[in-house]
């Protein structure tokens, strides 16, 4: 994979995460999927849970889209 292709793929995944992240956060808040603060929490107000899902999707997106050149049979 060329440097240009790697940077383009990275920017595509960042834009996709951004476009999905904001609606997902809004939906999780409305659905009540919140992490409520407890005595030892690092936050002081309820925050939406599930944002790590975007990290996993972006990682696997990067892995599968960038590994095509390294493994042409896939």
N, C-alpha and C. Protein backbone atom coordinates (compact mmCIF):
# COMPACT_ATOMS: atom_id res chain seq x y z
N UNK A 1 0.86 -1.17 0.00
CA UNK A 1 0.00 0.00 0.00
C UNK A 1 0.90 1.23 0.00
N UNK A 2 0.58 2.15 -0.86
CA UNK A 2 1.36 3.37 -0.94
C UNK A 2 1.02 4.30 0.22
N UNK A 3 1.87 5.27 0.44
CA UNK A 3 1.62 6.23 1.52
C UNK A 3 0.34 7.01 1.26
N UNK A 4 0.12 7.40 0.01
CA UNK A 4 -1.11 8.13 -0.34
C UNK A 4 -2.35 7.29 -0.05
N UNK A 5 -2.31 6.01 -0.40
CA UNK A 5 -3.45 5.13 -0.15
C UNK A 5 -3.68 4.95 1.35
N UNK A 6 -2.61 4.82 2.12
CA UNK A 6 -2.74 4.66 3.57
C UNK A 6 -3.35 5.91 4.21
N UNK A 7 -2.88 7.07 3.80
CA UNK A 7 -3.42 8.32 4.34
C UNK A 7 -4.88 8.50 3.92
N UNK A 8 -5.19 8.17 2.67
CA UNK A 8 -6.57 8.27 2.19
C UNK A 8 -7.49 7.34 2.97
N UNK A 9 -7.03 6.12 3.21
CA UNK A 9 -7.83 5.16 3.98
C UNK A 9 -8.03 5.66 5.40
N UNK A 10 -6.98 6.18 6.01
CA UNK A 10 -7.09 6.72 7.36
C UNK A 10 -8.11 7.85 7.41
N UNK A 11 -8.03 8.78 6.47
CA UNK A 11 -8.97 9.91 6.45
C UNK A 11 -10.40 9.45 6.18
N UNK A 12 -10.56 8.44 5.35
CA UNK A 12 -11.89 7.88 5.10
C UNK A 12 -12.48 7.27 6.37
N UNK A 13 -11.67 6.54 7.11
CA UNK A 13 -12.16 5.93 8.36
C UNK A 13 -12.43 6.99 9.43
N UNK A 14 -11.62 8.04 9.49
CA UNK A 14 -11.87 9.13 10.44
C UNK A 14 -13.19 9.82 10.11
N UNK A 15 -13.40 10.12 8.83
CA UNK A 15 -14.64 10.78 8.42
C UNK A 15 -15.85 9.88 8.68
N UNK A 16 -15.71 8.60 8.40
CA UNK A 16 -16.81 7.66 8.66
C UNK A 16 -17.13 7.56 10.13
N UNK A 17 -16.11 7.52 10.97
CA UNK A 17 -16.32 7.47 12.42
C UNK A 17 -17.01 8.74 12.91
N UNK A 18 -16.60 9.87 12.37
CA UNK A 18 -17.21 11.14 12.76
C UNK A 18 -18.67 11.19 12.33
N UNK A 19 -18.95 10.75 11.10
CA UNK A 19 -20.32 10.79 10.60
C UNK A 19 -21.24 9.82 11.33
N UNK A 20 -20.70 8.72 11.82
CA UNK A 20 -21.51 7.75 12.56
C UNK A 20 -21.52 8.08 14.05
N UNK A 21 -20.44 8.65 14.55
CA UNK A 21 -20.28 8.89 15.99
C UNK A 21 -21.30 9.84 16.58
N UNK A 22 -21.54 10.95 15.94
CA UNK A 22 -22.48 11.93 16.50
C UNK A 22 -23.91 11.41 16.53
N UNK A 23 -24.43 10.82 15.45
CA UNK A 23 -25.78 10.24 15.55
C UNK A 23 -25.85 9.08 16.54
N UNK A 24 -24.79 8.28 16.62
CA UNK A 24 -24.78 7.17 17.58
C UNK A 24 -24.84 7.70 19.00
N UNK A 25 -24.09 8.73 19.28
CA UNK A 25 -24.10 9.32 20.63
C UNK A 25 -25.48 9.85 20.98
N UNK A 26 -26.12 10.53 20.03
CA UNK A 26 -27.46 11.06 20.25
C UNK A 26 -28.46 9.92 20.50
N UNK A 27 -28.35 8.85 19.69
CA UNK A 27 -29.26 7.72 19.83
C UNK A 27 -29.04 7.00 21.17
N UNK A 28 -27.78 6.80 21.56
CA UNK A 28 -27.50 6.14 22.84
C UNK A 28 -28.02 6.96 24.01
N UNK A 29 -27.94 8.28 23.93
CA UNK A 29 -28.46 9.14 24.99
C UNK A 29 -29.97 9.02 25.07
N UNK A 30 -30.65 9.07 23.93
CA UNK A 30 -32.12 8.94 23.92
C UNK A 30 -32.57 7.57 24.38
N UNK A 31 -31.81 6.54 24.05
CA UNK A 31 -32.17 5.17 24.42
C UNK A 31 -31.87 4.88 25.89
N UNK A 32 -31.17 5.79 26.55
CA UNK A 32 -30.86 5.61 27.97
C UNK A 32 -29.68 4.70 28.24
N UNK A 33 -28.84 4.49 27.24
CA UNK A 33 -27.65 3.66 27.41
C UNK A 33 -26.56 4.58 27.96
N UNK A 34 -26.65 4.83 29.26
CA UNK A 34 -25.77 5.80 29.90
C UNK A 34 -24.96 5.14 31.01
N UNK A 35 -23.77 5.64 31.20
CA UNK A 35 -22.93 5.24 32.33
C UNK A 35 -23.14 6.28 33.42
N UNK A 36 -23.80 5.88 34.46
CA UNK A 36 -24.11 6.81 35.55
C UNK A 36 -22.92 6.86 36.51
N UNK A 37 -22.53 8.06 36.93
CA UNK A 37 -21.35 8.18 37.81
C UNK A 37 -21.58 7.54 39.17
N UNK A 38 -20.53 6.93 39.67
CA UNK A 38 -20.53 6.33 41.01
C UNK A 38 -19.43 7.00 41.82
N UNK A 39 -19.19 6.52 42.99
CA UNK A 39 -18.21 7.15 43.89
C UNK A 39 -16.81 7.23 43.27
N UNK A 40 -16.40 6.20 42.55
CA UNK A 40 -15.03 6.16 42.01
C UNK A 40 -14.99 6.42 40.51
N UNK A 41 -16.02 7.01 39.95
CA UNK A 41 -16.06 7.27 38.50
C UNK A 41 -15.17 8.45 38.13
N UNK A 42 -14.76 8.47 36.89
CA UNK A 42 -13.94 9.58 36.42
C UNK A 42 -14.78 10.71 35.83
N UNK A 43 -16.10 10.55 35.81
CA UNK A 43 -16.97 11.61 35.29
C UNK A 43 -18.01 11.97 36.34
N UNK A 44 -18.57 13.17 36.24
CA UNK A 44 -19.52 13.63 37.25
C UNK A 44 -20.95 13.73 36.73
N UNK A 45 -21.18 13.40 35.48
CA UNK A 45 -22.54 13.40 34.93
C UNK A 45 -22.68 12.17 34.03
N UNK A 46 -23.91 11.72 33.77
CA UNK A 46 -24.09 10.54 32.92
C UNK A 46 -23.54 10.77 31.51
N UNK A 47 -22.86 9.77 30.99
CA UNK A 47 -22.30 9.84 29.63
C UNK A 47 -22.75 8.59 28.86
N UNK A 48 -22.94 8.72 27.54
CA UNK A 48 -23.35 7.57 26.74
C UNK A 48 -22.27 6.49 26.72
N UNK A 49 -22.71 5.24 26.71
CA UNK A 49 -21.81 4.10 26.60
C UNK A 49 -21.88 3.57 25.18
N UNK A 50 -20.89 2.85 24.76
CA UNK A 50 -20.92 2.21 23.45
C UNK A 50 -20.04 2.86 22.41
N UNK A 51 -19.34 3.93 22.74
CA UNK A 51 -18.46 4.59 21.77
C UNK A 51 -17.28 3.73 21.37
N UNK A 52 -16.90 2.79 22.21
CA UNK A 52 -15.79 1.90 21.87
C UNK A 52 -16.10 1.02 20.68
N UNK A 53 -17.38 0.86 20.39
CA UNK A 53 -17.77 0.10 19.22
C UNK A 53 -17.21 0.73 17.95
N UNK A 54 -17.20 2.05 17.88
CA UNK A 54 -16.63 2.73 16.71
C UNK A 54 -15.13 2.49 16.60
N UNK A 55 -14.45 2.38 17.72
CA UNK A 55 -13.01 2.11 17.69
C UNK A 55 -12.76 0.73 17.09
N UNK A 56 -13.55 -0.25 17.51
CA UNK A 56 -13.40 -1.61 17.00
C UNK A 56 -13.72 -1.66 15.50
N UNK A 57 -14.80 -1.00 15.09
CA UNK A 57 -15.18 -0.98 13.67
C UNK A 57 -14.09 -0.31 12.84
N UNK A 58 -13.54 0.80 13.32
CA UNK A 58 -12.48 1.50 12.59
C UNK A 58 -11.22 0.63 12.50
N UNK A 59 -10.89 -0.07 13.59
CA UNK A 59 -9.71 -0.94 13.57
C UNK A 59 -9.87 -2.04 12.53
N UNK A 60 -11.01 -2.74 12.57
CA UNK A 60 -11.20 -3.83 11.61
C UNK A 60 -11.36 -3.30 10.19
N UNK A 61 -11.93 -2.11 10.03
CA UNK A 61 -11.99 -1.49 8.71
C UNK A 61 -10.60 -1.24 8.17
N UNK A 62 -9.74 -0.69 9.01
CA UNK A 62 -8.34 -0.45 8.61
C UNK A 62 -7.65 -1.78 8.29
N UNK A 63 -7.83 -2.77 9.14
CA UNK A 63 -7.16 -4.06 8.95
C UNK A 63 -7.57 -4.71 7.64
N UNK A 64 -8.88 -4.80 7.40
CA UNK A 64 -9.33 -5.50 6.20
C UNK A 64 -9.08 -4.70 4.92
N UNK A 65 -9.22 -3.39 4.98
CA UNK A 65 -9.01 -2.60 3.77
C UNK A 65 -7.53 -2.42 3.45
N UNK A 66 -6.67 -2.41 4.46
CA UNK A 66 -5.25 -2.21 4.18
C UNK A 66 -4.52 -3.52 3.93
N UNK A 67 -5.06 -4.63 4.39
CA UNK A 67 -4.35 -5.90 4.24
C UNK A 67 -4.61 -6.55 2.88
N UNK A 68 -5.42 -5.95 2.04
CA UNK A 68 -5.72 -6.55 0.74
C UNK A 68 -4.46 -6.67 -0.12
N UNK A 69 -3.60 -5.67 -0.09
CA UNK A 69 -2.37 -5.73 -0.88
C UNK A 69 -1.40 -6.76 -0.32
N UNK A 70 -1.39 -6.90 1.00
CA UNK A 70 -0.46 -7.85 1.62
C UNK A 70 -0.92 -9.29 1.42
N UNK A 71 -2.24 -9.49 1.33
CA UNK A 71 -2.80 -10.83 1.15
C UNK A 71 -3.76 -10.80 -0.04
N UNK A 72 -3.27 -10.90 -1.27
CA UNK A 72 -4.12 -10.73 -2.44
C UNK A 72 -5.23 -11.76 -2.58
N UNK A 73 -5.11 -12.91 -1.94
CA UNK A 73 -6.15 -13.94 -2.06
C UNK A 73 -7.39 -13.65 -1.25
N UNK A 74 -7.34 -12.63 -0.39
CA UNK A 74 -8.48 -12.34 0.48
C UNK A 74 -9.42 -11.39 -0.21
